[in-house]
Amino acid sequence: MSENVSENVSVNATSSRRLALLGVGVMGEALLSGLLRSGQDAAQVVVGDRYEARAQHIVETYGVTVALPAEAVAGADTVVLAVKPQDMGSLLEEIHDALRPGAFVVSIAAGITTAYLEARLPEGTPVARAMPNTPALVDQGMAAVSPGTHCGTDDLAEAMRLLEGCGKVVTVPEKHQDAVTAISGSGPAYIFYVVEAMVEAGVLLGLPRVTSTELVVQTLFGAATMLKETGEHPTVLREQVSSPGGTTMSALRQLDDHKVRAAFLTAMEAAAQRSAELAQG
């Protein structure tokens, strides 16, 4: 696939493809539950996880089958790699000889490039790299997919289907994946960090913690909804709240004086750099 990847990829809501999901931690389980809710047949899913108790919990909860990684991929049309980056090398070595010719492999491990996957899988294996985020747990995830050298249109559509079960998906050239990791991959943590600070501020100002939390969470939800539904630039929406000489301007002045905007830029640059380091390591 070329770098000029189209976002208008046709995606079927359901699929009869046999799926192997290797790694069922937080993100692996989120993808699995979203897929099943969107119509994936549980009988067509095999999971593998290094922790037997975890795998058994997934089997009991979702009605899928469990197997060792090599056994799981042997009959799979699509293989999703949802293990930690440091475990990827040994996993690829374990499944290399068992992978069915033509099987499509998708990795959601941070920093693992398509070149890394292609070099450790049978020649010509179609692969894709994806970066989802934790709001997938509530069907509000944001994911970005990048195709590898041998990834065709049908393969890319399959990757989109896998991720659309629990949120929104875009396609991006792989050179942008470190930025995606910094923005949407790590992004929920930044939001939670800000929410923590706002809740604490409410408590400091005398509000009960439960009241402060409700005020902050609903304000965040309302602001995000306005951004999404109005299509207005955030600057325009911010200015609508910022009356000259008012309370909001006083607060924003403090944020600017404390270089909060610059701190966010620096933080996201650091996240992107760390993603790149993981890829090199």
Protein backbone atom coordinates (compact mmCIF):
# COMPACT_ATOMS: atom_id res chain seq x y z
CA MET A 1 0.00 0.00 0.00
CA SER A 2 1.24 3.52 -0.68
CA GLU A 3 1.48 6.20 2.02
CA ASN A 4 -1.52 8.00 0.56
CA VAL A 5 -3.92 5.74 2.37
CA SER A 6 -7.60 6.47 1.90
CA GLU A 7 -9.85 6.68 4.94
CA ASN A 8 -12.82 5.57 2.82
CA VAL A 9 -12.28 1.85 3.15
CA SER A 10 -15.34 -0.38 2.87
CA VAL A 11 -15.85 -2.33 6.07
CA ASN A 12 -18.29 -5.16 6.76
CA ALA A 13 -19.86 -5.14 10.22
CA THR A 14 -19.54 -8.90 10.57
CA SER A 15 -17.13 -11.50 9.25
CA SER A 16 -16.84 -15.27 9.00
CA ARG A 17 -13.04 -15.10 9.12
CA ARG A 18 -11.39 -17.17 11.78
CA LEU A 19 -9.62 -14.95 14.30
CA ALA A 20 -6.72 -15.61 16.66
CA LEU A 21 -6.24 -13.03 19.40
CA LEU A 22 -2.90 -13.36 21.14
CA GLY A 23 -2.87 -11.36 24.35
CA VAL A 24 -6.08 -10.55 26.21
CA GLY A 25 -5.07 -7.76 28.56
CA VAL A 26 -7.07 -4.53 28.77
CA MET A 27 -6.86 -3.66 25.06
CA GLY A 28 -7.12 -7.24 23.86
CA GLU A 29 -10.29 -7.79 25.85
CA ALA A 30 -11.72 -4.45 24.72
CA LEU A 31 -11.24 -5.41 21.07
CA LEU A 32 -12.71 -8.86 21.67
CA SER A 33 -15.82 -7.59 23.44
CA GLY A 34 -16.39 -4.93 20.79
CA LEU A 35 -16.05 -7.46 17.99
CA LEU A 36 -18.53 -9.83 19.58
CA ARG A 37 -21.03 -7.02 20.14
CA SER A 38 -20.72 -6.02 16.49
CA GLY A 39 -21.49 -9.54 15.23
CA GLN A 40 -18.29 -11.59 15.28
CA ASP A 41 -19.08 -15.27 15.86
CA ALA A 42 -17.45 -16.36 19.14
CA ALA A 43 -17.07 -19.86 17.71
CA GLN A 44 -14.65 -18.41 15.15
CA VAL A 45 -12.36 -16.85 17.77
CA VAL A 46 -9.38 -18.48 19.50
CA VAL A 47 -7.46 -16.60 22.21
CA GLY A 48 -4.04 -17.18 23.62
CA ASP A 49 -2.46 -15.57 26.67
CA ARG A 50 0.67 -16.29 28.67
CA TYR A 51 -1.40 -16.22 31.89
CA GLU A 52 -3.59 -19.30 32.03
CA ALA A 53 -6.00 -17.85 34.60
CA ARG A 54 -6.54 -14.77 32.46
CA ALA A 55 -7.19 -16.83 29.34
CA GLN A 56 -9.66 -19.02 31.22
CA HIS A 57 -11.52 -15.92 32.46
CA ILE A 58 -11.87 -14.70 28.87
CA VAL A 59 -13.15 -18.10 27.73
CA GLU A 60 -15.75 -18.22 30.49
CA THR A 61 -16.84 -14.62 29.92
CA TYR A 62 -17.05 -14.57 26.12
CA GLY A 63 -17.46 -18.19 25.04
CA VAL A 64 -14.40 -18.25 22.81
CA THR A 65 -11.79 -21.01 22.57
CA VAL A 66 -8.34 -20.95 24.18
CA ALA A 67 -5.15 -22.46 22.76
CA LEU A 68 -1.40 -22.06 22.76
CA PRO A 69 -0.26 -19.35 20.32
CA ALA A 70 1.04 -21.74 17.64
CA GLU A 71 -2.18 -23.78 17.78
CA ALA A 72 -4.33 -20.63 17.75
CA VAL A 73 -2.81 -19.22 14.56
CA ALA A 74 -2.68 -22.51 12.65
CA GLY A 75 -6.27 -22.21 11.41
CA ALA A 76 -6.68 -18.44 11.63
CA ASP A 77 -7.39 -16.09 8.72
CA THR A 78 -6.62 -13.04 10.89
CA VAL A 79 -4.16 -12.87 13.79
CA VAL A 80 -4.22 -9.95 16.24
CA LEU A 81 -1.07 -9.43 18.30
CA ALA A 82 -2.04 -7.67 21.53
CA VAL A 83 0.98 -8.46 23.70
CA LYS A 84 3.45 -6.03 25.28
CA PRO A 85 6.20 -4.76 22.95
CA GLN A 86 8.91 -6.55 24.93
CA ASP A 87 7.11 -9.88 24.40
CA MET A 88 6.62 -9.48 20.65
CA GLY A 89 9.92 -10.99 19.47
CA SER A 90 9.47 -14.29 21.27
CA LEU A 91 5.81 -14.51 20.23
CA LEU A 92 6.63 -14.02 16.54
CA GLU A 93 9.29 -16.72 16.78
CA GLU A 94 6.75 -19.06 18.38
CA ILE A 95 4.09 -18.60 15.68
CA HIS A 96 6.33 -18.22 12.62
CA ASP A 97 6.12 -21.80 11.38
CA ALA A 98 2.47 -22.29 12.35
CA LEU A 99 1.08 -19.26 10.56
CA ARG A 100 -1.21 -20.19 7.66
CA PRO A 101 -0.03 -18.86 4.24
CA GLY A 102 -1.98 -15.71 3.42
CA ALA A 103 -3.05 -15.07 7.01
CA PHE A 104 -3.34 -11.38 7.89
CA VAL A 105 -1.48 -10.15 11.00
CA VAL A 106 -2.40 -6.99 12.93
CA SER A 107 -0.31 -5.65 15.81
CA ILE A 108 -1.61 -3.20 18.43
CA ALA A 109 1.67 -3.10 20.37
CA ALA A 110 3.16 0.38 20.81
CA GLY A 111 6.33 1.00 18.82
CA ILE A 112 6.25 -2.27 16.85
CA THR A 113 6.68 -1.36 13.18
CA THR A 114 5.34 -3.23 10.16
CA ALA A 115 8.97 -3.72 9.04
CA TYR A 116 9.71 -5.44 12.36
CA LEU A 117 6.75 -7.78 11.86
CA GLU A 118 7.54 -8.51 8.21
CA ALA A 119 11.15 -9.36 9.04
CA ARG A 120 10.06 -11.97 11.60
CA LEU A 121 7.11 -13.55 9.78
CA PRO A 122 7.07 -15.70 6.62
CA GLU A 123 7.96 -13.78 3.46
CA GLY A 124 4.99 -11.96 1.95
CA THR A 125 2.80 -12.03 5.08
CA PRO A 126 0.34 -9.10 4.99
CA VAL A 127 0.60 -7.05 8.18
CA ALA A 128 -0.78 -3.85 9.64
CA ARG A 129 0.06 -1.77 12.67
CA ALA A 130 -2.67 -0.18 14.78
CA MET A 131 -2.80 2.11 17.79
CA PRO A 132 -6.11 1.98 19.70
CA ASN A 133 -6.82 3.57 23.09
CA THR A 134 -8.58 2.61 26.31
CA PRO A 135 -11.95 4.33 25.65
CA ALA A 136 -12.48 1.28 23.43
CA LEU A 137 -13.67 -0.29 26.69
CA VAL A 138 -16.83 1.84 26.44
CA ASP A 139 -17.13 1.74 22.62
CA GLN A 140 -15.66 5.24 22.30
CA GLY A 141 -12.17 4.28 21.21
CA MET A 142 -9.99 6.09 18.69
CA ALA A 143 -7.63 3.99 16.61
CA ALA A 144 -5.28 4.58 13.70
CA VAL A 145 -4.17 1.85 11.28
CA SER A 146 -1.13 1.73 9.01
CA PRO A 147 -0.73 -0.98 6.34
CA GLY A 148 2.48 -2.86 5.71
CA THR A 149 4.16 -3.61 2.39
CA HIS A 150 1.95 -6.59 1.48
CA CYS A 151 -1.30 -5.34 3.03
CA GLY A 152 -4.03 -5.16 0.37
CA THR A 153 -7.34 -3.32 0.33
CA ASP A 154 -9.25 -6.32 1.72
CA ASP A 155 -6.69 -6.72 4.49
CA LEU A 156 -6.98 -3.06 5.42
CA ALA A 157 -10.77 -3.35 5.48
CA GLU A 158 -10.42 -6.30 7.86
CA ALA A 159 -8.19 -4.24 10.18
CA MET A 160 -10.77 -1.45 10.15
CA ARG A 161 -13.54 -3.94 10.96
CA LEU A 162 -11.63 -5.28 13.93
CA LEU A 163 -11.24 -1.83 15.45
CA GLU A 164 -14.59 -0.30 14.53
CA GLY A 165 -16.30 -2.71 16.91
CA CYS A 166 -15.33 -0.40 19.77
CA GLY A 167 -14.95 3.08 18.33
CA LYS A 168 -13.70 5.17 15.44
CA VAL A 169 -10.84 4.29 13.10
CA VAL A 170 -8.69 6.26 10.65
CA THR A 171 -5.84 5.16 8.39
CA VAL A 172 -2.51 6.98 8.47
CA PRO A 173 0.93 6.54 6.90
CA GLU A 174 3.11 4.64 9.33
CA LYS A 175 5.47 7.60 9.75
CA HIS A 176 2.67 9.27 11.75
CA GLN A 177 2.15 6.42 14.22
CA ASP A 178 4.45 7.89 16.87
CA ALA A 179 2.38 11.08 16.78
CA VAL A 180 -0.84 9.03 16.97
CA THR A 181 0.56 7.25 20.03
CA ALA A 182 1.34 10.59 21.66
CA ILE A 183 -2.06 12.14 20.87
CA SER A 184 -4.79 9.51 21.06
CA GLY A 185 -2.92 6.47 22.38
CA SER A 186 -1.67 8.22 25.51
CA GLY A 187 -4.28 10.98 25.32
CA PRO A 188 -6.83 9.53 27.76
CA ALA A 189 -4.20 9.71 30.51
CA TYR A 190 -3.75 13.45 29.90
CA ILE A 191 -7.50 13.99 30.16
CA PHE A 192 -7.74 11.96 33.37
CA TYR A 193 -4.82 13.98 34.75
CA VAL A 194 -6.63 17.27 34.06
CA VAL A 195 -9.87 15.90 35.51
CA GLU A 196 -8.01 14.90 38.69
CA ALA A 197 -6.67 18.44 39.02
CA MET A 198 -10.10 20.04 38.44
CA VAL A 199 -11.78 17.76 40.97
CA GLU A 200 -9.11 18.60 43.56
CA ALA A 201 -9.63 22.29 42.83
CA GLY A 202 -13.34 21.89 43.53
CA VAL A 203 -12.57 20.21 46.86
CA LEU A 204 -10.09 22.98 47.70
CA LEU A 205 -12.85 25.51 47.04
CA GLY A 206 -15.16 23.74 49.48
CA LEU A 207 -17.24 21.40 47.33
CA PRO A 208 -17.92 17.81 48.41
CA ARG A 209 -15.74 15.47 46.34
CA VAL A 210 -18.71 13.67 44.79
CA THR A 211 -20.25 16.99 43.71
CA SER A 212 -16.96 18.28 42.34
CA THR A 213 -16.47 15.05 40.39
CA GLU A 214 -19.94 15.22 38.87
CA LEU A 215 -19.44 18.85 37.85
CA VAL A 216 -16.10 18.15 36.21
CA VAL A 217 -17.08 14.94 34.41
CA GLN A 218 -20.28 16.39 32.95
CA THR A 219 -18.44 19.57 31.95
CA LEU A 220 -15.84 17.48 30.15
CA PHE A 221 -18.51 15.40 28.43
CA GLY A 222 -20.46 18.50 27.40
CA ALA A 223 -17.39 20.28 26.06
CA ALA A 224 -16.32 17.22 24.06
CA THR A 225 -19.84 16.87 22.66
CA MET A 226 -19.81 20.53 21.57
CA LEU A 227 -16.50 20.04 19.79
CA LYS A 228 -17.79 17.00 17.97
CA GLU A 229 -21.28 18.20 17.07
CA THR A 230 -20.71 21.88 16.27
CA GLY A 231 -17.58 21.41 14.19
CA GLU A 232 -16.32 24.72 15.55
CA HIS A 233 -12.62 25.29 16.12
CA PRO A 234 -11.75 24.95 19.83
CA THR A 235 -10.49 28.54 19.85
CA VAL A 236 -13.94 29.77 18.83
CA LEU A 237 -15.65 27.71 21.53
CA ARG A 238 -13.14 28.87 24.15
CA GLU A 239 -13.69 32.51 23.23
CA GLN A 240 -17.45 32.06 23.63
CA VAL A 241 -16.86 31.27 27.30
CA SER A 242 -14.21 33.93 27.85
CA SER A 243 -15.96 37.21 28.62
CA PRO A 244 -13.61 40.24 28.78
CA GLY A 245 -12.48 40.80 32.35
CA GLY A 246 -14.44 37.76 33.56
CA THR A 247 -13.69 34.71 35.64
CA THR A 248 -12.64 32.51 32.71
CA MET A 249 -10.12 35.06 31.46
CA SER A 250 -8.63 35.26 34.95
CA ALA A 251 -8.22 31.49 35.02
CA LEU A 252 -6.79 31.29 31.48
CA ARG A 253 -4.28 34.01 32.34
CA GLN A 254 -2.96 31.81 35.13
CA LEU A 255 -2.73 28.80 32.82
CA ASP A 256 -0.74 30.87 30.33
CA ASP A 257 1.50 32.28 33.07
CA HIS A 258 2.27 28.74 34.18
CA LYS A 259 2.99 27.69 30.58
CA VAL A 260 0.40 24.91 30.61
CA ARG A 261 0.07 24.97 26.80
CA ALA A 262 3.85 24.63 26.39
CA ALA A 263 3.87 21.82 28.96
CA PHE A 264 1.30 19.87 26.93
CA LEU A 265 3.33 20.30 23.74
CA THR A 266 6.49 19.14 25.51
CA ALA A 267 4.70 16.18 27.09
CA MET A 268 3.33 14.95 23.76
CA GLU A 269 6.71 15.36 22.10
CA ALA A 270 8.17 13.19 24.87
CA ALA A 271 5.51 10.53 24.31
CA ALA A 272 6.19 10.48 20.57
CA GLN A 273 9.91 10.23 21.19
CA ARG A 274 9.41 7.32 23.56
CA SER A 275 7.27 5.56 20.94
CA ALA A 276 10.10 5.96 18.44
CA GLU A 277 12.58 4.60 20.99
CA LEU A 278 10.41 1.52 21.51
CA ALA A 279 10.44 0.94 17.76
CA GLN A 280 14.23 1.14 17.64
CA GLY A 281 14.67 -1.07 20.67
